[in-house]
């Protein structure tokens, strides 16, 4: 059969083509808006990341400055560590020397007088050297023994280091000179 309604068919086909073209243009415009929107979003994200990177870089620079200052302080602490240790030992040593001097004043016999106390330091320890006069050798011996018996810091006096002689003033008194090792102390002069 022959189709006599060709005008309506052409019109319908034209309408379909127009609708297809219209939807294609709408799709292209939407695709264009979508691409522009995505590009703007990527650009904004990139700008935000650049800003964050600047902030992080500035913070890192500040932290590096603080770290360098910390390293300088740490270096100074390490350099001054031995001095601090020495000062601490001196502080502790000061108390020890006060105890030693108090003990010395308690063990000096009445018949003896000490004219000089000095220290000798070496790698083996500290030794106190006593010089003075006593009534007799027995007093000197008692004085030497009193260090190891009445004090906690002294080792027995070394009898080989004793020198004695008679005083030239009256001939009755004995001059003495002996050393006493100090227990547990190393180091220098007092």
N, C-alpha and C. Protein backbone atom coordinates (compact mmCIF):
# COMPACT_ATOMS: atom_id res chain seq x y z
N UNK A 1 0.81 -1.14 0.00
CA UNK A 1 0.00 0.00 0.00
C UNK A 1 0.87 1.23 0.00
N UNK A 2 0.32 2.14 -0.56
CA UNK A 2 1.05 3.37 -0.77
C UNK A 2 0.69 4.31 0.38
N UNK A 3 1.74 4.96 0.83
CA UNK A 3 1.57 5.88 1.95
C UNK A 3 1.25 7.25 1.37
N UNK A 4 0.09 7.72 1.68
CA UNK A 4 -0.31 9.00 1.13
C UNK A 4 -0.05 10.13 2.11
N UNK A 5 0.31 9.84 3.25
CA UNK A 5 0.55 10.85 4.26
C UNK A 5 2.05 11.12 4.39
N UNK A 6 2.68 11.52 3.34
CA UNK A 6 4.11 11.75 3.32
C UNK A 6 4.48 13.03 4.05
N UNK A 7 3.62 13.99 4.02
CA UNK A 7 3.92 15.26 4.69
C UNK A 7 4.00 15.02 6.19
N UNK A 8 3.12 14.30 6.74
CA UNK A 8 3.13 14.03 8.18
C UNK A 8 4.34 13.21 8.55
N UNK A 9 4.69 12.29 7.70
CA UNK A 9 5.88 11.46 7.99
C UNK A 9 7.13 12.31 7.94
N UNK A 10 7.24 13.17 6.97
CA UNK A 10 8.41 14.05 6.89
C UNK A 10 8.46 14.98 8.09
N UNK A 11 7.32 15.50 8.45
CA UNK A 11 7.26 16.37 9.60
C UNK A 11 7.68 15.63 10.86
N UNK A 12 7.24 14.44 11.06
CA UNK A 12 7.59 13.65 12.23
C UNK A 12 9.08 13.36 12.23
N UNK A 13 9.65 13.03 11.09
CA UNK A 13 11.07 12.77 10.98
C UNK A 13 11.86 14.05 11.27
N UNK A 14 11.40 15.16 10.76
CA UNK A 14 12.06 16.43 11.00
C UNK A 14 12.00 16.79 12.48
N UNK A 15 10.83 16.55 13.11
CA UNK A 15 10.70 16.81 14.54
C UNK A 15 11.64 15.91 15.35
N UNK A 16 11.74 14.66 14.93
CA UNK A 16 12.67 13.75 15.62
C UNK A 16 14.10 14.22 15.45
N UNK A 17 14.47 14.65 14.24
CA UNK A 17 15.82 15.13 13.99
C UNK A 17 16.09 16.39 14.81
N UNK A 18 15.10 17.28 14.88
CA UNK A 18 15.24 18.50 15.66
C UNK A 18 15.38 18.17 17.15
N UNK A 19 14.61 17.22 17.62
CA UNK A 19 14.69 16.83 19.03
C UNK A 19 16.06 16.23 19.31
N UNK A 20 16.52 15.40 18.39
CA UNK A 20 17.84 14.78 18.55
C UNK A 20 18.91 15.87 18.54
N UNK A 21 18.81 16.81 17.62
CA UNK A 21 19.77 17.90 17.54
C UNK A 21 19.70 18.76 18.78
N UNK A 22 18.48 19.07 19.24
CA UNK A 22 18.29 19.86 20.43
C UNK A 22 18.94 19.18 21.63
N UNK A 23 18.68 17.87 21.80
CA UNK A 23 19.26 17.13 22.94
C UNK A 23 20.78 17.01 22.80
N UNK A 24 21.25 16.94 21.60
CA UNK A 24 22.71 16.90 21.38
C UNK A 24 23.34 18.23 21.77
N UNK A 25 22.72 19.33 21.37
CA UNK A 25 23.25 20.65 21.73
C UNK A 25 23.18 20.84 23.24
N UNK A 26 22.05 20.45 23.86
CA UNK A 26 21.91 20.56 25.32
C UNK A 26 22.99 19.70 25.99
N UNK A 27 23.21 18.51 25.47
CA UNK A 27 24.25 17.63 26.03
C UNK A 27 25.63 18.25 25.89
N UNK A 28 25.92 18.83 24.70
CA UNK A 28 27.22 19.47 24.51
C UNK A 28 27.40 20.67 25.44
N UNK A 29 26.35 21.47 25.59
CA UNK A 29 26.42 22.62 26.50
C UNK A 29 26.64 22.14 27.93
N UNK A 30 25.88 21.11 28.33
CA UNK A 30 26.06 20.56 29.68
C UNK A 30 27.48 19.99 29.86
N UNK A 31 27.96 19.32 28.83
CA UNK A 31 29.32 18.77 28.88
C UNK A 31 30.34 19.91 28.98
N UNK A 32 30.09 21.00 28.22
CA UNK A 32 30.98 22.15 28.28
C UNK A 32 30.96 22.77 29.68
N UNK A 33 29.76 22.96 30.27
CA UNK A 33 29.65 23.48 31.64
C UNK A 33 30.33 22.55 32.65
N UNK A 34 30.16 21.27 32.44
CA UNK A 34 30.79 20.29 33.32
C UNK A 34 32.32 20.40 33.24
N UNK A 35 32.84 20.50 32.02
CA UNK A 35 34.30 20.61 31.84
C UNK A 35 34.81 21.92 32.44
N UNK A 36 34.11 23.02 32.21
CA UNK A 36 34.51 24.31 32.79
C UNK A 36 34.45 24.22 34.31
N UNK A 37 33.39 23.65 34.84
CA UNK A 37 33.24 23.49 36.30
C UNK A 37 34.37 22.65 36.89
N UNK A 38 34.69 21.54 36.20
CA UNK A 38 35.79 20.70 36.69
C UNK A 38 37.12 21.43 36.63
N UNK A 39 37.34 22.17 35.53
CA UNK A 39 38.58 22.96 35.43
C UNK A 39 38.66 24.01 36.52
N UNK A 40 37.54 24.69 36.78
CA UNK A 40 37.53 25.69 37.87
C UNK A 40 37.79 25.00 39.20
N UNK A 41 37.18 23.84 39.44
CA UNK A 41 37.39 23.11 40.70
C UNK A 41 38.86 22.69 40.85
N UNK A 42 39.45 22.20 39.76
CA UNK A 42 40.87 21.81 39.79
C UNK A 42 41.74 23.03 40.03
N UNK A 43 41.43 24.16 39.39
CA UNK A 43 42.20 25.37 39.58
C UNK A 43 42.11 25.86 41.02
N UNK A 44 40.89 25.86 41.58
CA UNK A 44 40.71 26.27 42.98
C UNK A 44 41.45 25.33 43.93
N UNK A 45 41.39 24.03 43.64
CA UNK A 45 42.11 23.05 44.47
C UNK A 45 43.61 23.29 44.39
N UNK A 46 44.10 23.56 43.18
CA UNK A 46 45.53 23.82 43.01
C UNK A 46 45.93 25.09 43.77
N UNK A 47 45.10 26.13 43.70
CA UNK A 47 45.39 27.37 44.43
C UNK A 47 45.39 27.11 45.95
N UNK A 48 44.44 26.35 46.40
CA UNK A 48 44.37 25.99 47.83
C UNK A 48 45.61 25.20 48.24
N UNK A 49 46.03 24.26 47.41
CA UNK A 49 47.22 23.47 47.72
C UNK A 49 48.48 24.34 47.72
N UNK A 50 48.55 25.31 46.78
CA UNK A 50 49.69 26.22 46.77
C UNK A 50 49.73 27.06 48.04
N UNK A 51 48.55 27.52 48.46
CA UNK A 51 48.48 28.30 49.69
C UNK A 51 48.90 27.45 50.89
N UNK A 52 48.40 26.22 50.94
CA UNK A 52 48.79 25.32 52.03
C UNK A 52 50.29 25.04 51.99
N UNK A 53 50.82 24.88 50.78
CA UNK A 53 52.26 24.63 50.63
C UNK A 53 53.07 25.82 51.13
N UNK A 54 52.63 27.04 50.85
CA UNK A 54 53.31 28.22 51.35
C UNK A 54 53.29 28.26 52.88
N UNK A 55 52.12 27.99 53.44
CA UNK A 55 52.00 27.98 54.90
C UNK A 55 52.90 26.91 55.50
N UNK A 56 52.88 25.72 54.93
CA UNK A 56 53.71 24.63 55.44
C UNK A 56 55.20 24.95 55.28
N UNK A 57 55.57 25.59 54.16
CA UNK A 57 56.96 25.97 53.94
C UNK A 57 57.40 27.00 54.97
N UNK A 58 56.54 27.98 55.25
CA UNK A 58 56.86 28.98 56.28
C UNK A 58 57.00 28.33 57.65
N UNK A 59 56.10 27.42 57.99
CA UNK A 59 56.18 26.72 59.27
C UNK A 59 57.45 25.88 59.34
N UNK A 60 57.78 25.23 58.23
CA UNK A 60 59.00 24.42 58.19
C UNK A 60 60.23 25.30 58.38
N UNK A 61 60.24 26.47 57.76
CA UNK A 61 61.37 27.39 57.92
C UNK A 61 61.50 27.83 59.37
N UNK A 62 60.36 28.14 60.01
CA UNK A 62 60.39 28.51 61.43
C UNK A 62 60.89 27.36 62.28
N UNK A 63 60.41 26.15 61.98
CA UNK A 63 60.87 24.99 62.74
C UNK A 63 62.35 24.73 62.53
N UNK A 64 62.85 24.96 61.30
CA UNK A 64 64.28 24.80 61.04
C UNK A 64 65.09 25.80 61.84
N UNK A 65 64.60 27.05 61.93
CA UNK A 65 65.29 28.06 62.74
C UNK A 65 65.31 27.64 64.20
N UNK A 66 64.15 27.16 64.69
CA UNK A 66 64.09 26.72 66.09
C UNK A 66 64.99 25.51 66.32
N UNK A 67 65.05 24.62 65.33
CA UNK A 67 65.91 23.44 65.46
C UNK A 67 67.38 23.84 65.48
N UNK A 68 67.75 24.82 64.62
CA UNK A 68 69.13 25.31 64.64
C UNK A 68 69.45 25.94 65.98
N UNK A 69 68.53 26.74 66.52
CA UNK A 69 68.74 27.34 67.84
C UNK A 69 68.86 26.24 68.90
N UNK A 70 68.02 25.22 68.78
CA UNK A 70 68.09 24.10 69.72
C UNK A 70 69.43 23.39 69.61
N UNK A 71 69.91 23.19 68.38
CA UNK A 71 71.20 22.53 68.19
C UNK A 71 72.33 23.37 68.79
N UNK A 72 72.25 24.69 68.63
CA UNK A 72 73.28 25.55 69.21
C UNK A 72 73.26 25.45 70.73
N UNK A 73 72.06 25.44 71.31
CA UNK A 73 71.95 25.31 72.77
C UNK A 73 72.46 23.96 73.21
N UNK A 74 72.10 22.92 72.47
CA UNK A 74 72.56 21.58 72.81
C UNK A 74 74.08 21.49 72.70
N UNK A 75 74.66 22.12 71.67
CA UNK A 75 76.11 22.15 71.52
C UNK A 75 76.76 22.87 72.70
N UNK A 76 76.16 23.98 73.09
CA UNK A 76 76.68 24.74 74.23
C UNK A 76 76.58 23.93 75.52
N UNK A 77 75.48 23.21 75.68
CA UNK A 77 75.33 22.35 76.86
C UNK A 77 76.39 21.26 76.86
N UNK A 78 76.62 20.65 75.69
CA UNK A 78 77.64 19.60 75.61
C UNK A 78 79.04 20.15 75.86
N UNK A 79 79.30 21.39 75.38
CA UNK A 79 80.60 22.00 75.61
C UNK A 79 80.80 22.33 77.08
N UNK A 80 79.74 22.77 77.74
CA UNK A 80 79.85 23.19 79.13
C UNK A 80 79.56 22.06 80.11
N UNK A 81 79.25 20.88 79.58
CA UNK A 81 78.96 19.73 80.45
C UNK A 81 80.09 19.40 81.41
N UNK A 82 81.34 19.33 80.93
CA UNK A 82 82.43 19.04 81.87
C UNK A 82 82.59 20.11 82.95
N UNK A 83 82.34 21.37 82.59
CA UNK A 83 82.45 22.44 83.59
C UNK A 83 81.36 22.28 84.64
N UNK A 84 80.16 21.97 84.20
CA UNK A 84 79.05 21.77 85.14
C UNK A 84 79.35 20.58 86.05
N UNK A 85 79.90 19.52 85.46
CA UNK A 85 80.25 18.35 86.26
C UNK A 85 81.31 18.70 87.29
N UNK A 86 82.31 19.47 86.86
CA UNK A 86 83.36 19.89 87.78
C UNK A 86 82.80 20.75 88.90
N UNK A 87 81.91 21.70 88.54
CA UNK A 87 81.31 22.55 89.57
C UNK A 87 80.47 21.73 90.54
N UNK A 88 79.79 20.73 90.03
CA UNK A 88 79.01 19.85 90.91
C UNK A 88 79.94 19.10 91.86
N UNK A 89 81.06 18.62 91.31
CA UNK A 89 82.01 17.93 92.16
C UNK A 89 82.61 18.87 93.20
N UNK A 90 82.87 20.13 92.80
CA UNK A 90 83.38 21.12 93.75
C UNK A 90 82.36 21.37 94.84
N UNK A 91 81.09 21.49 94.46
CA UNK A 91 80.03 21.72 95.45
C UNK A 91 79.97 20.58 96.45
N UNK A 92 80.01 19.35 95.93
CA UNK A 92 80.00 18.18 96.82
C UNK A 92 81.29 18.15 97.62
N UNK A 93 82.40 18.46 96.98
CA UNK A 93 83.71 18.44 97.62
C UNK A 93 83.79 19.47 98.74
N UNK A 94 83.13 20.61 98.57
CA UNK A 94 83.17 21.65 99.59
C UNK A 94 82.63 21.12 100.91
N UNK A 95 81.52 20.41 100.85
CA UNK A 95 80.95 19.82 102.06
C UNK A 95 81.91 18.80 102.65
N UNK A 96 82.52 18.01 101.79
CA UNK A 96 83.47 17.00 102.26
C UNK A 96 84.65 17.66 102.96
N UNK A 97 85.16 18.75 102.38
CA UNK A 97 86.29 19.43 103.01
C UNK A 97 85.89 20.06 104.35
N UNK A 98 84.68 20.54 104.46
CA UNK A 98 84.22 21.09 105.74
C UNK A 98 84.18 19.99 106.81
N UNK A 99 83.73 18.82 106.41
CA UNK A 99 83.70 17.68 107.34
C UNK A 99 85.13 17.30 107.73
N UNK A 100 86.03 17.27 106.75
CA UNK A 100 87.42 16.92 107.02
C UNK A 100 88.04 17.92 107.99
N UNK A 101 87.82 19.21 107.74
CA UNK A 101 88.38 20.23 108.63
C UNK A 101 87.80 20.14 110.04
N UNK A 102 86.51 19.86 110.13
CA UNK A 102 85.89 19.70 111.46
C UNK A 102 86.49 18.49 112.18
N UNK A 103 86.69 17.39 111.45
CA UNK A 103 87.29 16.20 112.07
C UNK A 103 88.72 16.45 112.50
N UNK A 104 89.48 17.19 111.68
CA UNK A 104 90.87 17.49 112.03
C UNK A 104 90.92 18.26 113.34
N UNK A 105 90.03 19.24 113.48
CA UNK A 105 90.04 20.03 114.72
C UNK A 105 89.70 19.19 115.94
N UNK A 106 88.98 18.10 115.76
CA UNK A 106 88.62 17.24 116.89
C UNK A 106 89.71 16.24 117.25
N UNK A 107 90.57 15.87 116.29
CA UNK A 107 91.57 14.83 116.57
C UNK A 107 92.94 15.40 116.94
N UNK A 108 93.12 16.69 116.85
CA UNK A 108 94.43 17.26 117.23
C UNK A 108 94.58 17.14 118.75
N UNK A 109 95.63 16.48 119.21
CA UNK A 109 95.84 16.35 120.66
C UNK A 109 96.17 17.71 121.30
N UNK A 110 95.94 17.79 122.61
CA UNK A 110 96.22 19.04 123.33
C UNK A 110 97.71 19.35 123.34
N UNK A 111 98.53 18.33 123.34
CA UNK A 111 99.98 18.52 123.43
C UNK A 111 100.61 18.72 122.05
N UNK A 112 99.81 18.95 121.02
CA UNK A 112 100.34 19.14 119.68
C UNK A 112 99.74 20.40 119.07
N UNK A 113 100.50 21.01 118.20
CA UNK A 113 99.98 22.15 117.46
C UNK A 113 100.35 21.95 115.98
N UNK A 114 99.37 22.16 115.14
CA UNK A 114 99.57 22.00 113.70
C UNK A 114 99.87 23.39 113.13
N UNK A 115 100.99 23.49 112.45
CA UNK A 115 101.38 24.78 111.87
C UNK A 115 101.04 24.88 110.39
N UNK A 116 100.86 23.73 109.72
CA UNK A 116 100.59 23.77 108.28
C UNK A 116 99.80 22.53 107.89
N UNK A 117 98.76 22.74 107.10
CA UNK A 117 98.01 21.64 106.48
C UNK A 117 97.98 21.94 104.99
N UNK A 118 98.41 20.99 104.19
CA UNK A 118 98.36 21.16 102.74
C UNK A 118 97.88 19.87 102.10
N UNK A 119 97.46 19.98 100.85
CA UNK A 119 96.99 18.79 100.14
C UNK A 119 97.92 18.49 98.98
N UNK A 120 97.97 17.23 98.65
CA UNK A 120 98.74 16.77 97.50
C UNK A 120 97.81 15.87 96.70
N UNK A 121 97.56 16.24 95.46
CA UNK A 121 96.68 15.45 94.62
C UNK A 121 97.47 14.68 93.58
N UNK A 122 97.02 13.49 93.32
CA UNK A 122 97.65 12.67 92.28
C UNK A 122 96.60 11.74 91.71
N UNK A 123 97.01 10.89 90.79
CA UNK A 123 96.08 9.94 90.20
C UNK A 123 95.64 8.88 91.20
N UNK A 124 96.45 8.67 92.21
CA UNK A 124 96.11 7.65 93.21
C UNK A 124 95.20 8.20 94.29
N UNK A 125 95.13 9.52 94.43
CA UNK A 125 94.23 10.08 95.42
C UNK A 125 94.77 11.36 96.02
N UNK A 126 94.07 11.84 97.03
CA UNK A 126 94.44 13.06 97.73
C UNK A 126 95.07 12.68 99.06
N UNK A 127 96.13 13.38 99.41
CA UNK A 127 96.82 13.15 100.68
C UNK A 127 96.90 14.50 101.40
N UNK A 128 96.65 14.48 102.71
CA UNK A 128 96.81 15.66 103.53
C UNK A 128 98.17 15.61 104.20
N UNK A 129 98.87 16.70 104.15
CA UNK A 129 100.20 16.77 104.79
C UNK A 129 100.09 17.68 106.00
N UNK A 130 100.47 17.16 107.14
CA UNK A 130 100.41 17.90 108.40
C UNK A 130 101.83 18.20 108.87
N UNK A 131 102.06 19.44 109.26
CA UNK A 131 103.33 19.86 109.86
C UNK A 131 103.00 20.57 111.16
N UNK A 132 103.88 20.39 112.15
CA UNK A 132 103.65 21.07 113.42
C UNK A 132 104.62 20.61 114.49
N UNK A 133 104.23 20.83 115.72
CA UNK A 133 105.05 20.46 116.86
C UNK A 133 104.20 19.71 117.86
N UNK A 134 104.86 18.78 118.59
CA UNK A 134 104.19 18.02 119.65
C UNK A 134 105.12 17.90 120.83
N UNK A 135 104.55 17.52 121.95
CA UNK A 135 105.34 17.38 123.17
C UNK A 135 106.37 16.27 123.03
N UNK A 136 105.94 15.14 122.44
CA UNK A 136 106.87 14.02 122.27
C UNK A 136 106.40 13.14 121.11
N UNK A 137 107.17 12.09 120.81
CA UNK A 137 106.84 11.20 119.71
C UNK A 137 105.57 10.40 119.98
N UNK A 138 105.27 10.11 121.23
CA UNK A 138 104.04 9.38 121.57
C UNK A 138 102.82 10.21 121.16
N UNK A 139 102.87 11.49 121.38
CA UNK A 139 101.77 12.38 120.99
C UNK A 139 101.62 12.38 119.47
N UNK A 140 102.74 12.42 118.76
CA UNK A 140 102.70 12.38 117.30
C UNK A 140 102.07 11.07 116.83
N UNK A 141 102.47 9.94 117.42
CA UNK A 141 101.90 8.65 117.06
C UNK A 141 100.41 8.58 117.34
N UNK A 142 99.98 9.10 118.51
CA UNK A 142 98.55 9.11 118.84
C UNK A 142 97.78 9.98 117.86
N UNK A 143 98.40 11.09 117.49
CA UNK A 143 97.77 11.99 116.51
C UNK A 143 97.57 11.26 115.18
N UNK A 144 98.59 10.55 114.73
CA UNK A 144 98.50 9.81 113.46
C UNK A 144 97.45 8.71 113.53
N UNK A 145 97.39 7.98 114.63
CA UNK A 145 96.41 6.90 114.77
C UNK A 145 94.99 7.42 114.86
N UNK A 146 94.84 8.61 115.44
CA UNK A 146 93.48 9.14 115.63
C UNK A 146 92.75 9.37 114.32
N UNK A 147 93.48 9.62 113.23
CA UNK A 147 92.81 9.85 111.95
C UNK A 147 92.06 8.61 111.49
N UNK A 148 92.72 7.48 111.51
CA UNK A 148 92.06 6.28 111.00
C UNK A 148 91.03 5.74 111.98
N UNK A 149 91.19 6.03 113.28
CA UNK A 149 90.25 5.50 114.28
C UNK A 149 89.04 6.40 114.50
N UNK A 150 89.21 7.70 114.41
CA UNK A 150 88.14 8.62 114.78
C UNK A 150 87.46 9.30 113.59
N UNK A 151 87.95 9.08 112.39
CA UNK A 151 87.33 9.69 111.21
C UNK A 151 86.95 8.61 110.21
N UNK A 152 85.99 8.95 109.38
CA UNK A 152 85.55 8.01 108.35
C UNK A 152 86.25 8.24 107.02
N UNK A 153 86.93 9.34 106.86
CA UNK A 153 87.50 9.71 105.58
C UNK A 153 88.98 9.39 105.43
N UNK A 154 89.67 9.10 106.55
CA UNK A 154 91.12 8.94 106.48
C UNK A 154 91.53 7.48 106.52
N UNK A 155 92.51 7.15 105.69
CA UNK A 155 93.19 5.87 105.79
C UNK A 155 94.33 6.04 106.81
N UNK A 156 94.88 4.97 107.32
CA UNK A 156 95.98 5.12 108.29
C UNK A 156 97.14 5.90 107.67
N UNK A 157 97.77 6.73 108.51
CA UNK A 157 98.92 7.52 108.05
C UNK A 157 100.06 6.58 107.70
N UNK A 158 100.78 6.95 106.69
CA UNK A 158 101.91 6.13 106.22
C UNK A 158 103.13 6.41 107.11
N UNK A 159 103.57 5.43 107.91
CA UNK A 159 104.69 5.68 108.82
C UNK A 159 106.01 5.94 108.08
N UNK A 160 106.10 5.54 106.83
CA UNK A 160 107.36 5.76 106.12
C UNK A 160 107.54 7.22 105.71
N UNK A 161 106.46 8.00 105.74
CA UNK A 161 106.53 9.41 105.34
C UNK A 161 106.68 10.36 106.52
N UNK A 162 106.99 9.86 107.70
CA UNK A 162 107.08 10.70 108.89
C UNK A 162 108.50 11.23 109.02
N UNK A 163 108.59 12.52 109.26
CA UNK A 163 109.89 13.10 109.61
C UNK A 163 109.73 13.83 110.93
N UNK A 164 110.64 13.61 111.84
CA UNK A 164 110.60 14.29 113.13
C UNK A 164 111.99 14.80 113.47
N UNK A 165 112.03 15.87 114.22
CA UNK A 165 113.27 16.36 114.79
C UNK A 165 112.93 17.24 115.98
N UNK A 166 113.90 17.47 116.82
CA UNK A 166 113.70 18.28 118.02
C UNK A 166 113.63 19.75 117.65
N UNK A 167 112.76 20.45 118.33
CA UNK A 167 112.64 21.88 118.12
C UNK A 167 113.89 22.56 118.66
N UNK A 168 114.36 23.53 117.95
CA UNK A 168 115.58 24.21 118.38
C UNK A 168 115.32 25.23 119.47
N UNK A 169 114.04 25.56 119.67
CA UNK A 169 113.72 26.60 120.65
C UNK A 169 113.99 26.13 122.07
N UNK A 170 113.40 25.02 122.47
CA UNK A 170 113.60 24.56 123.85
C UNK A 170 114.17 23.15 123.92
N UNK A 171 114.25 22.48 122.81
CA UNK A 171 114.81 21.14 122.78
C UNK A 171 113.90 20.06 123.30
N UNK A 172 112.75 20.42 123.86
CA UNK A 172 111.83 19.43 124.42
C UNK A 172 110.74 19.04 123.42
N UNK A 173 110.31 19.94 122.60
CA UNK A 173 109.22 19.65 121.66
C UNK A 173 109.77 18.98 120.40
N UNK A 174 108.90 18.21 119.74
CA UNK A 174 109.29 17.47 118.54
C UNK A 174 108.54 18.05 117.35
N UNK A 175 109.27 18.37 116.32
CA UNK A 175 108.62 18.80 115.07
C UNK A 175 108.25 17.56 114.28
N UNK A 176 107.08 17.62 113.64
CA UNK A 176 106.65 16.46 112.85
C UNK A 176 106.17 16.91 111.49
N UNK A 177 106.16 15.96 110.60
CA UNK A 177 105.68 16.18 109.23
C UNK A 177 105.26 14.81 108.71
N UNK A 178 103.96 14.60 108.47
CA UNK A 178 103.48 13.31 107.96
C UNK A 178 102.28 13.54 107.04
N UNK A 179 101.94 12.51 106.27
CA UNK A 179 100.80 12.60 105.35
C UNK A 179 99.76 11.57 105.71
N UNK A 180 98.51 11.93 105.44
CA UNK A 180 97.38 11.03 105.67
C UNK A 180 96.60 10.93 104.37
N UNK A 181 96.42 9.70 103.84
CA UNK A 181 95.61 9.55 102.61
C UNK A 181 94.12 9.78 102.90
N UNK A 182 93.47 10.46 101.98
CA UNK A 182 92.02 10.70 102.11
C UNK A 182 91.30 9.63 101.33
N UNK A 183 90.43 8.91 101.98
CA UNK A 183 89.72 7.79 101.39
C UNK A 183 88.68 8.27 100.38
N UNK A 184 88.71 7.71 99.18
CA UNK A 184 87.67 7.94 98.18
C UNK A 184 87.73 9.25 97.45
N UNK A 185 88.77 10.05 97.62
CA UNK A 185 88.87 11.32 96.89
C UNK A 185 89.98 11.24 95.88
N UNK A 186 89.69 11.69 94.70
CA UNK A 186 90.70 11.77 93.65
C UNK A 186 90.81 13.23 93.27
N UNK A 187 91.94 13.60 92.74
CA UNK A 187 92.00 14.91 92.15
C UNK A 187 92.94 15.87 92.79
N UNK A 188 92.48 17.10 92.80
CA UNK A 188 93.40 18.22 92.95
C UNK A 188 93.66 18.73 94.33
N UNK A 189 94.29 19.88 94.29
CA UNK A 189 94.75 20.53 95.50
C UNK A 189 93.59 21.24 96.18
N UNK A 190 93.69 21.42 97.47
CA UNK A 190 92.69 22.12 98.27
C UNK A 190 93.10 23.57 98.43
